[in-house]
N, C-alpha and C. Protein backbone atom coordinates (compact mmCIF):
# COMPACT_ATOMS: atom_id res chain seq x y z
N UNK A 1 -21.10 -11.31 -3.59
CA UNK A 1 -20.43 -11.02 -4.43
C UNK A 1 -19.05 -10.15 -3.40
N UNK A 2 -18.01 -10.16 -3.08
CA UNK A 2 -17.30 -9.13 -2.69
C UNK A 2 -17.03 -8.26 -3.85
N UNK A 3 -16.70 -6.61 -3.34
CA UNK A 3 -17.11 -5.80 -3.76
C UNK A 3 -15.71 -5.06 -4.35
N UNK A 4 -14.84 -3.75 -5.26
CA UNK A 4 -13.39 -3.40 -4.83
C UNK A 4 -13.73 -2.78 -3.35
N UNK A 5 -14.27 -2.38 -3.35
CA UNK A 5 -14.70 -0.92 -1.99
C UNK A 5 -14.66 -1.85 -0.72
N UNK A 6 -14.78 -3.03 -1.08
CA UNK A 6 -14.42 -4.18 0.18
C UNK A 6 -13.42 -4.68 0.79
N UNK A 7 -13.15 -4.85 -0.56
CA UNK A 7 -12.01 -5.68 -0.83
C UNK A 7 -10.58 -4.41 -0.46
N UNK A 8 -10.38 -3.27 -0.78
CA UNK A 8 -10.03 -2.34 -0.76
C UNK A 8 -9.52 -1.78 1.21
N UNK A 9 -11.35 -1.80 1.56
CA UNK A 9 -11.05 -1.19 2.92
C UNK A 9 -9.98 -3.01 3.81
N UNK A 10 -10.27 -3.87 3.48
CA UNK A 10 -9.97 -5.20 4.23
C UNK A 10 -8.54 -5.02 3.52
N UNK A 11 -8.07 -4.84 2.27
CA UNK A 11 -6.34 -5.00 2.35
C UNK A 11 -5.91 -3.59 3.03
N UNK A 12 -6.13 -2.79 3.50
CA UNK A 12 -6.29 -1.37 4.60
C UNK A 12 -5.94 -1.76 6.19
N UNK A 13 -7.56 -2.52 6.14
CA UNK A 13 -7.06 -3.32 7.62
C UNK A 13 -6.47 -4.07 7.84
N UNK A 14 -5.55 -5.01 6.71
CA UNK A 14 -4.53 -6.33 6.93
C UNK A 14 -3.10 -5.35 7.08
N UNK A 15 -3.88 -4.53 6.20
CA UNK A 15 -2.07 -4.23 6.39
C UNK A 15 -1.72 -3.16 8.00
N UNK A 16 -2.54 -2.32 8.46
CA UNK A 16 -2.76 -1.95 9.54
C UNK A 16 -2.06 -3.31 10.86
N UNK A 17 -3.28 -4.31 10.39
CA UNK A 17 -3.20 -5.20 11.43
C UNK A 17 -1.98 -6.41 11.27
N UNK A 18 -1.52 -6.43 10.58
CA UNK A 18 -0.29 -6.97 9.99
C UNK A 18 -0.26 -8.01 9.51
N UNK A 19 -1.79 -8.65 8.68
CA UNK A 19 -2.00 -9.63 8.77
C UNK A 19 -2.23 -10.43 6.93
N UNK A 20 -0.79 -11.05 7.35
CA UNK A 20 -0.57 -10.99 5.57
C UNK A 20 -1.15 -12.68 5.30
N UNK A 21 -1.74 -13.49 6.40
CA UNK A 21 -2.68 -14.16 5.85
C UNK A 21 -4.31 -13.85 4.88
N UNK A 22 -4.66 -12.37 6.18
CA UNK A 22 -5.53 -11.92 5.43
C UNK A 22 -5.28 -11.73 3.08
N UNK A 23 -4.41 -10.99 3.14
CA UNK A 23 -3.75 -10.34 2.43
C UNK A 23 -3.51 -10.92 1.50
N UNK A 24 -2.82 -12.14 1.84
CA UNK A 24 -2.53 -13.65 0.66
C UNK A 24 -3.89 -14.36 0.07
N UNK A 25 -4.96 -14.24 1.10
CA UNK A 25 -6.01 -14.45 0.53
C UNK A 25 -6.70 -13.61 0.03
N UNK A 26 -6.97 -12.33 -0.25
CA UNK A 26 -7.74 -11.51 -0.57
C UNK A 26 -6.84 -11.12 -2.57
N UNK A 27 -5.58 -11.24 -2.90
CA UNK A 27 -5.18 -11.22 -4.30
C UNK A 27 -4.96 -12.33 -4.81
N UNK A 28 -5.50 -11.96 -5.73
CA UNK A 28 -5.67 -12.84 -7.12
C UNK A 28 -3.71 -13.64 -7.18
N UNK A 29 -3.78 -14.71 -7.04
CA UNK A 29 -2.30 -15.17 -7.54
C UNK A 29 -1.67 -14.38 -9.23
N UNK A 30 -2.43 -14.12 -10.43
CA UNK A 30 -2.35 -13.88 -10.46
C UNK A 30 -2.02 -11.83 -10.82
N UNK A 31 -1.92 -11.25 -9.49
CA UNK A 31 -2.58 -9.99 -9.49
C UNK A 31 -1.01 -8.85 -9.68
N UNK A 32 -1.40 -8.01 -9.68
CA UNK A 32 -0.38 -7.17 -10.29
C UNK A 32 -0.40 -5.53 -9.47
N UNK A 33 0.81 -5.34 -8.63
CA UNK A 33 0.41 -4.40 -8.08
C UNK A 33 1.77 -3.69 -8.86
N UNK A 34 1.44 -2.28 -9.03
CA UNK A 34 2.80 -0.86 -9.26
C UNK A 34 2.67 -0.49 -8.53
N UNK A 35 3.40 -0.04 -7.62
CA UNK A 35 4.44 0.99 -6.86
C UNK A 35 4.45 2.00 -7.28
N UNK A 36 4.59 3.12 -7.25
CA UNK A 36 4.62 4.67 -6.98
C UNK A 36 6.00 5.33 -8.96
N UNK A 37 6.93 3.84 -8.24
CA UNK A 37 8.27 4.03 -9.20
C UNK A 37 7.80 3.91 -11.10
N UNK A 38 6.66 3.19 -10.42
CA UNK A 38 6.34 2.45 -11.88
C UNK A 38 6.30 0.57 -11.31
N UNK A 39 7.76 0.20 -11.02
CA UNK A 39 7.75 -0.98 -10.43
C UNK A 39 6.33 -1.74 -10.95
N UNK A 40 6.38 -3.55 -11.69
CA UNK A 40 5.45 -4.23 -11.43
C UNK A 40 5.99 -5.20 -10.71
N UNK A 41 5.10 -6.01 -9.64
CA UNK A 41 5.25 -7.30 -8.68
C UNK A 41 3.77 -8.26 -9.48
N UNK A 42 4.26 -8.81 -10.05
CA UNK A 42 3.21 -10.39 -10.78
C UNK A 42 2.95 -10.92 -9.67
N UNK A 43 1.26 -11.62 -8.92
CA UNK A 43 1.14 -13.16 -8.02
C UNK A 43 0.95 -11.99 -6.78
N UNK A 44 0.33 -13.29 -6.40
CA UNK A 44 -0.57 -12.71 -4.82
C UNK A 44 1.19 -12.28 -4.45
N UNK A 45 1.38 -13.63 -3.99
CA UNK A 45 2.99 -14.04 -3.13
C UNK A 45 3.82 -12.02 -3.27
N UNK A 46 3.73 -12.12 -4.40
CA UNK A 46 4.80 -11.11 -4.41
C UNK A 46 5.18 -9.12 -3.83
N UNK A 47 3.02 -9.41 -4.48
CA UNK A 47 2.35 -8.07 -3.82
C UNK A 47 2.30 -8.10 -2.11
N UNK A 48 2.50 -8.80 -1.51
CA UNK A 48 2.31 -9.49 -0.23
C UNK A 48 3.73 -8.87 0.25
N UNK A 49 4.30 -9.08 -0.81
CA UNK A 49 6.32 -9.51 -0.38
C UNK A 49 6.02 -8.10 -0.42
N UNK A 50 5.49 -7.17 -1.32
CA UNK A 50 5.84 -5.42 -1.43
C UNK A 50 5.74 -5.14 -0.60
N UNK A 51 4.48 -5.09 0.70
CA UNK A 51 4.06 -4.44 1.15
C UNK A 51 4.67 -4.23 2.76
N UNK A 52 5.22 -6.00 3.00
CA UNK A 52 5.92 -5.90 3.97
C UNK A 52 7.05 -5.57 3.63
N UNK A 53 7.85 -5.02 2.64
CA UNK A 53 8.72 -4.52 2.90
C UNK A 53 8.73 -2.94 3.12
N UNK A 54 7.67 -2.12 2.97
CA UNK A 54 7.69 -1.09 3.91
C UNK A 54 7.11 -0.77 5.03
N UNK A 55 7.18 -2.40 5.76
CA UNK A 55 6.68 -2.71 6.86
C UNK A 55 8.14 -2.28 7.98
N UNK A 56 9.03 -3.32 6.77
CA UNK A 56 10.27 -3.36 7.76
C UNK A 56 11.12 -1.78 8.07
N UNK A 57 10.91 -1.28 7.56
CA UNK A 57 11.18 0.27 7.09
C UNK A 57 10.22 1.32 8.35
N UNK A 58 9.38 0.95 8.42
CA UNK A 58 8.42 2.31 9.02
C UNK A 58 7.30 1.17 9.88
N UNK A 59 7.70 0.47 10.93
CA UNK A 59 7.43 -0.54 11.52
C UNK A 59 6.10 -0.66 12.57
N UNK A 60 6.33 0.85 13.07
CA UNK A 60 4.43 1.54 13.25
C UNK A 60 3.59 1.90 11.76
N UNK A 61 4.23 1.76 11.01
CA UNK A 61 2.97 2.46 10.08
C UNK A 61 1.72 1.80 9.94
N UNK A 62 0.82 3.11 9.97
CA UNK A 62 -0.57 3.42 10.56
C UNK A 62 -0.87 3.29 8.67
N UNK A 63 -2.30 3.83 8.46
CA UNK A 63 -3.08 4.34 7.58
C UNK A 63 -4.34 4.79 7.64
N UNK A 64 -4.49 6.27 7.29
CA UNK A 64 -5.42 7.17 7.09
C UNK A 64 -6.34 6.76 6.60
N UNK A 65 -7.15 7.02 5.91
CA UNK A 65 -8.54 6.76 5.22
C UNK A 65 -9.06 7.81 5.32
N UNK A 66 -9.13 8.33 3.79
CA UNK A 66 -8.92 9.79 3.18
C UNK A 66 -10.71 10.16 2.90
N UNK A 67 -10.80 9.37 2.16
CA UNK A 67 -11.57 8.98 1.04
C UNK A 67 -11.87 8.07 0.14
N UNK A 68 -13.20 7.23 -0.13
CA UNK A 68 -13.44 5.78 -0.99
C UNK A 68 -14.43 6.73 -2.20
N UNK A 69 -13.20 6.06 -3.81
CA UNK A 69 -14.60 6.26 -4.50
C UNK A 69 -14.95 5.28 -5.05
N UNK A 70 -15.73 4.61 -5.39
CA UNK A 70 -16.44 3.33 -6.16
C UNK A 70 -16.97 3.62 -7.49
N UNK A 71 -16.36 3.97 -8.33
CA UNK A 71 -17.37 3.72 -9.66
C UNK A 71 -18.29 3.06 -9.72
N UNK A 72 -17.62 1.41 -9.97
CA UNK A 72 -18.66 0.53 -10.13
C UNK A 72 -18.03 -0.50 -8.93
N UNK A 73 -18.81 -1.52 -9.03
CA UNK A 73 -18.29 -2.66 -8.03
C UNK A 73 -16.92 -3.40 -8.48
N UNK A 74 -16.43 -3.48 -9.41
CA UNK A 74 -15.05 -3.74 -10.00
C UNK A 74 -14.17 -2.33 -9.90
N UNK A 75 -14.39 -1.39 -8.93
CA UNK A 75 -13.43 -0.90 -8.95
C UNK A 75 -13.47 0.15 -7.81
N UNK A 76 -12.53 0.24 -7.20
CA UNK A 76 -12.28 1.15 -5.96
C UNK A 76 -10.89 2.09 -5.75
N UNK A 77 -11.13 2.98 -5.78
CA UNK A 77 -10.23 4.88 -5.48
C UNK A 77 -10.18 4.99 -4.05
N UNK A 78 -8.81 4.78 -3.26
CA UNK A 78 -8.77 5.15 -2.06
C UNK A 78 -7.51 6.73 -1.87
N UNK A 79 -7.85 7.55 -0.97
CA UNK A 79 -6.91 8.23 -0.94
C UNK A 79 -6.33 8.40 0.27
N UNK A 80 -5.64 8.22 0.73
CA UNK A 80 -5.41 8.08 2.26
C UNK A 80 -3.99 8.53 3.16
N UNK A 81 -3.46 8.95 3.52
CA UNK A 81 -2.49 9.68 4.47
C UNK A 81 -1.72 8.04 4.73
N UNK A 82 -0.38 8.03 4.89
CA UNK A 82 0.16 6.75 5.54
C UNK A 82 1.63 7.86 5.98
N UNK A 83 1.76 7.47 7.54
CA UNK A 83 2.24 7.85 8.87
C UNK A 83 3.00 6.61 9.70
N UNK A 84 4.41 6.96 10.05
CA UNK A 84 5.59 5.75 10.63
C UNK A 84 6.88 6.46 10.41
N UNK A 85 7.88 6.01 11.54
CA UNK A 85 9.02 6.77 11.74
C UNK A 85 9.61 5.71 11.39
N UNK A 86 11.22 6.29 10.62
CA UNK A 86 11.95 5.51 9.82
C UNK A 86 13.26 4.28 10.87
N UNK A 87 12.96 3.49 10.80
CA UNK A 87 13.47 2.73 11.81
C UNK A 87 14.12 1.75 11.34
N UNK A 88 13.53 1.01 10.24
CA UNK A 88 14.62 0.34 9.52
C UNK A 88 14.97 1.13 8.52
N UNK A 89 16.27 -0.01 7.75
CA UNK A 89 15.97 0.34 6.20
C UNK A 89 15.92 0.62 5.22
N UNK A 90 15.31 1.49 4.04
CA UNK A 90 14.62 2.02 3.52
C UNK A 90 15.37 1.41 2.34
N UNK A 91 15.08 1.03 1.50
CA UNK A 91 16.27 0.48 -0.33
C UNK A 91 17.70 0.85 0.54
N UNK A 92 18.39 2.00 0.02
CA UNK A 92 19.35 2.36 0.45
C UNK A 92 20.26 2.82 1.37
N UNK A 93 18.59 3.49 2.00
CA UNK A 93 18.69 4.80 3.39
C UNK A 93 18.72 3.96 4.64
N UNK A 94 19.58 4.88 5.42
CA UNK A 94 19.80 4.11 7.18
C UNK A 94 19.01 4.91 7.38
N UNK A 95 18.71 3.60 8.84
CA UNK A 95 16.78 4.69 9.43
C UNK A 95 17.62 6.02 9.70
N UNK A 96 16.98 6.44 10.04
CA UNK A 96 16.86 8.76 10.46
C UNK A 96 16.34 8.60 11.46
N UNK A 97 15.25 8.14 11.98
CA UNK A 97 14.41 7.91 13.32
C UNK A 97 13.39 9.41 13.13
N UNK A 98 13.11 9.24 11.62
CA UNK A 98 11.99 11.06 11.72
C UNK A 98 10.55 10.47 11.11
N UNK A 99 10.14 11.24 12.15
CA UNK A 99 8.28 10.66 11.17
C UNK A 99 8.18 10.92 9.86
N UNK A 100 7.51 10.36 9.65
CA UNK A 100 6.28 11.04 7.93
C UNK A 100 5.20 10.74 7.71
N UNK A 101 4.53 11.54 7.14
CA UNK A 101 2.67 11.93 7.20
C UNK A 101 2.60 11.84 5.59
N UNK A 102 2.45 11.03 4.76
CA UNK A 102 2.06 11.27 2.83
C UNK A 102 1.35 11.38 2.72
N UNK A 103 1.09 11.65 1.76
CA UNK A 103 -1.14 11.75 0.94
C UNK A 103 -0.28 11.05 0.01
N UNK A 104 -1.75 9.49 -0.44
CA UNK A 104 -1.37 8.72 -1.35
C UNK A 104 -2.69 8.85 -1.72
N UNK A 105 -2.52 7.63 -3.05
CA UNK A 105 -3.60 7.08 -2.99
C UNK A 105 -3.36 5.46 -3.75
N UNK A 106 -4.31 4.59 -3.71
CA UNK A 106 -4.29 3.46 -3.89
C UNK A 106 -5.57 3.19 -4.99
N UNK A 107 -5.30 2.93 -6.47
CA UNK A 107 -6.65 2.21 -7.15
C UNK A 107 -6.94 0.50 -7.35
N UNK A 108 -7.59 -0.08 -6.82
CA UNK A 108 -7.90 -1.28 -7.03
C UNK A 108 -8.81 -1.52 -8.08
N UNK A 109 -8.68 -2.55 -8.53
CA UNK A 109 -9.65 -3.23 -9.57
C UNK A 109 -9.31 -4.71 -9.17
N UNK A 110 -11.17 -5.40 -8.98
CA UNK A 110 -10.97 -6.21 -8.29
C UNK A 110 -11.94 -7.44 -9.49
N UNK A 111 -11.49 -8.75 -9.64
CA UNK A 111 -12.23 -10.05 -10.15
C UNK A 111 -12.36 -10.94 -9.54
N UNK A 112 -13.92 -11.52 -9.81
CA UNK A 112 -14.17 -12.51 -9.17
C UNK A 112 -13.62 -12.74 -7.70
N UNK A 113 -14.12 -11.97 -6.99
CA UNK A 113 -14.08 -12.02 -5.49
C UNK A 113 -12.44 -11.76 -4.89
N UNK A 114 -11.25 -11.56 -5.52
CA UNK A 114 -10.08 -11.11 -5.55
C UNK A 114 -9.87 -9.59 -6.12
N UNK A 115 -8.72 -9.14 -5.58
CA UNK A 115 -7.71 -8.22 -6.04
C UNK A 115 -7.13 -8.76 -6.97
N UNK A 116 -7.39 -7.94 -8.24
CA UNK A 116 -5.97 -8.40 -9.80
C UNK A 116 -5.42 -7.16 -9.90
N UNK A 117 -5.79 -5.86 -9.33
CA UNK A 117 -4.63 -5.05 -10.07
C UNK A 117 -4.82 -4.12 -9.12
N UNK A 118 -3.65 -3.59 -8.33
CA UNK A 118 -3.59 -2.55 -7.33
C UNK A 118 -1.97 -1.84 -7.62
N UNK A 119 -2.28 -0.06 -7.37
CA UNK A 119 -1.82 0.62 -8.09
C UNK A 119 -1.56 1.66 -6.78
N UNK A 120 -0.67 0.92 -5.86
CA UNK A 120 -0.60 3.03 -5.34
C UNK A 120 0.62 4.15 -5.97
N UNK A 121 0.27 5.57 -4.91
CA UNK A 121 0.30 6.82 -6.47
C UNK A 121 1.18 7.51 -4.54
N UNK A 122 2.07 7.89 -4.69
CA UNK A 122 2.42 8.87 -3.58
C UNK A 122 3.60 9.86 -3.63
N UNK A 123 3.61 11.33 -3.41
CA UNK A 123 4.60 11.72 -3.40
C UNK A 123 5.99 11.52 -2.66
N UNK A 124 6.99 10.50 -3.19
CA UNK A 124 8.36 10.58 -3.28
C UNK A 124 9.03 11.62 -2.31
N UNK A 125 9.31 12.79 -3.48
CA UNK A 125 9.81 14.07 -2.81
C UNK A 125 8.99 14.06 -1.93
N UNK A 126 8.18 14.62 -1.51
CA UNK A 126 7.73 14.72 0.10
C UNK A 126 8.37 13.66 1.26
N UNK A 127 8.34 12.91 0.84
CA UNK A 127 8.69 11.25 1.54
C UNK A 127 10.23 11.97 1.94
N UNK A 128 10.96 11.88 0.96
CA UNK A 128 12.72 12.27 1.13
C UNK A 128 12.65 13.29 2.07
N UNK A 129 12.46 14.50 1.64
CA UNK A 129 12.59 16.27 2.34
C UNK A 129 11.99 16.11 4.14
N UNK A 130 10.33 15.07 4.26
CA UNK A 130 10.61 14.49 5.29
C UNK A 130 11.76 13.94 6.03
N UNK A 131 12.32 12.76 4.97
CA UNK A 131 13.20 12.53 6.21
C UNK A 131 14.93 12.78 6.27
N UNK A 132 14.22 14.79 5.99
CA UNK A 132 15.99 15.36 5.36
C UNK A 132 16.82 14.75 4.27
N UNK A 133 16.46 13.63 3.46
CA UNK A 133 17.36 13.26 2.35
C UNK A 133 17.32 14.26 1.82
N UNK A 134 18.97 14.33 0.66
CA UNK A 134 19.50 14.87 0.20
C UNK A 134 18.01 14.74 -1.02
N UNK A 135 17.85 15.47 -1.90
CA UNK A 135 17.66 15.28 -3.63
C UNK A 135 18.23 15.64 -4.48
């Protein structure tokens, strides 16, 4: 059986490699993704679309895992840093060309060898300040 910790590392590696086929394969079709603003996306395809949408403004996005905690086989928590250069539209914000580096946390729950729930928490204010956006 694939553990949540293994799936979590696979997810981050697939994001780094832009391997959307692997992402589609590891997310359960009924999975739920909750973004930092509390918006939920339901379904594996929708989750992959959310992940892709973050690569548009930051095409050089990199992820560095800082710590991983696995309280049991079905749950994994990863503290990580995401970094990149703002080169594409971020919702209604035009590219600034500025680099960001933001500490974040991802909480993942697995069931039957697939990701059933994943939530990301990060400091949006820090990201906006690094992009020199009015807040």
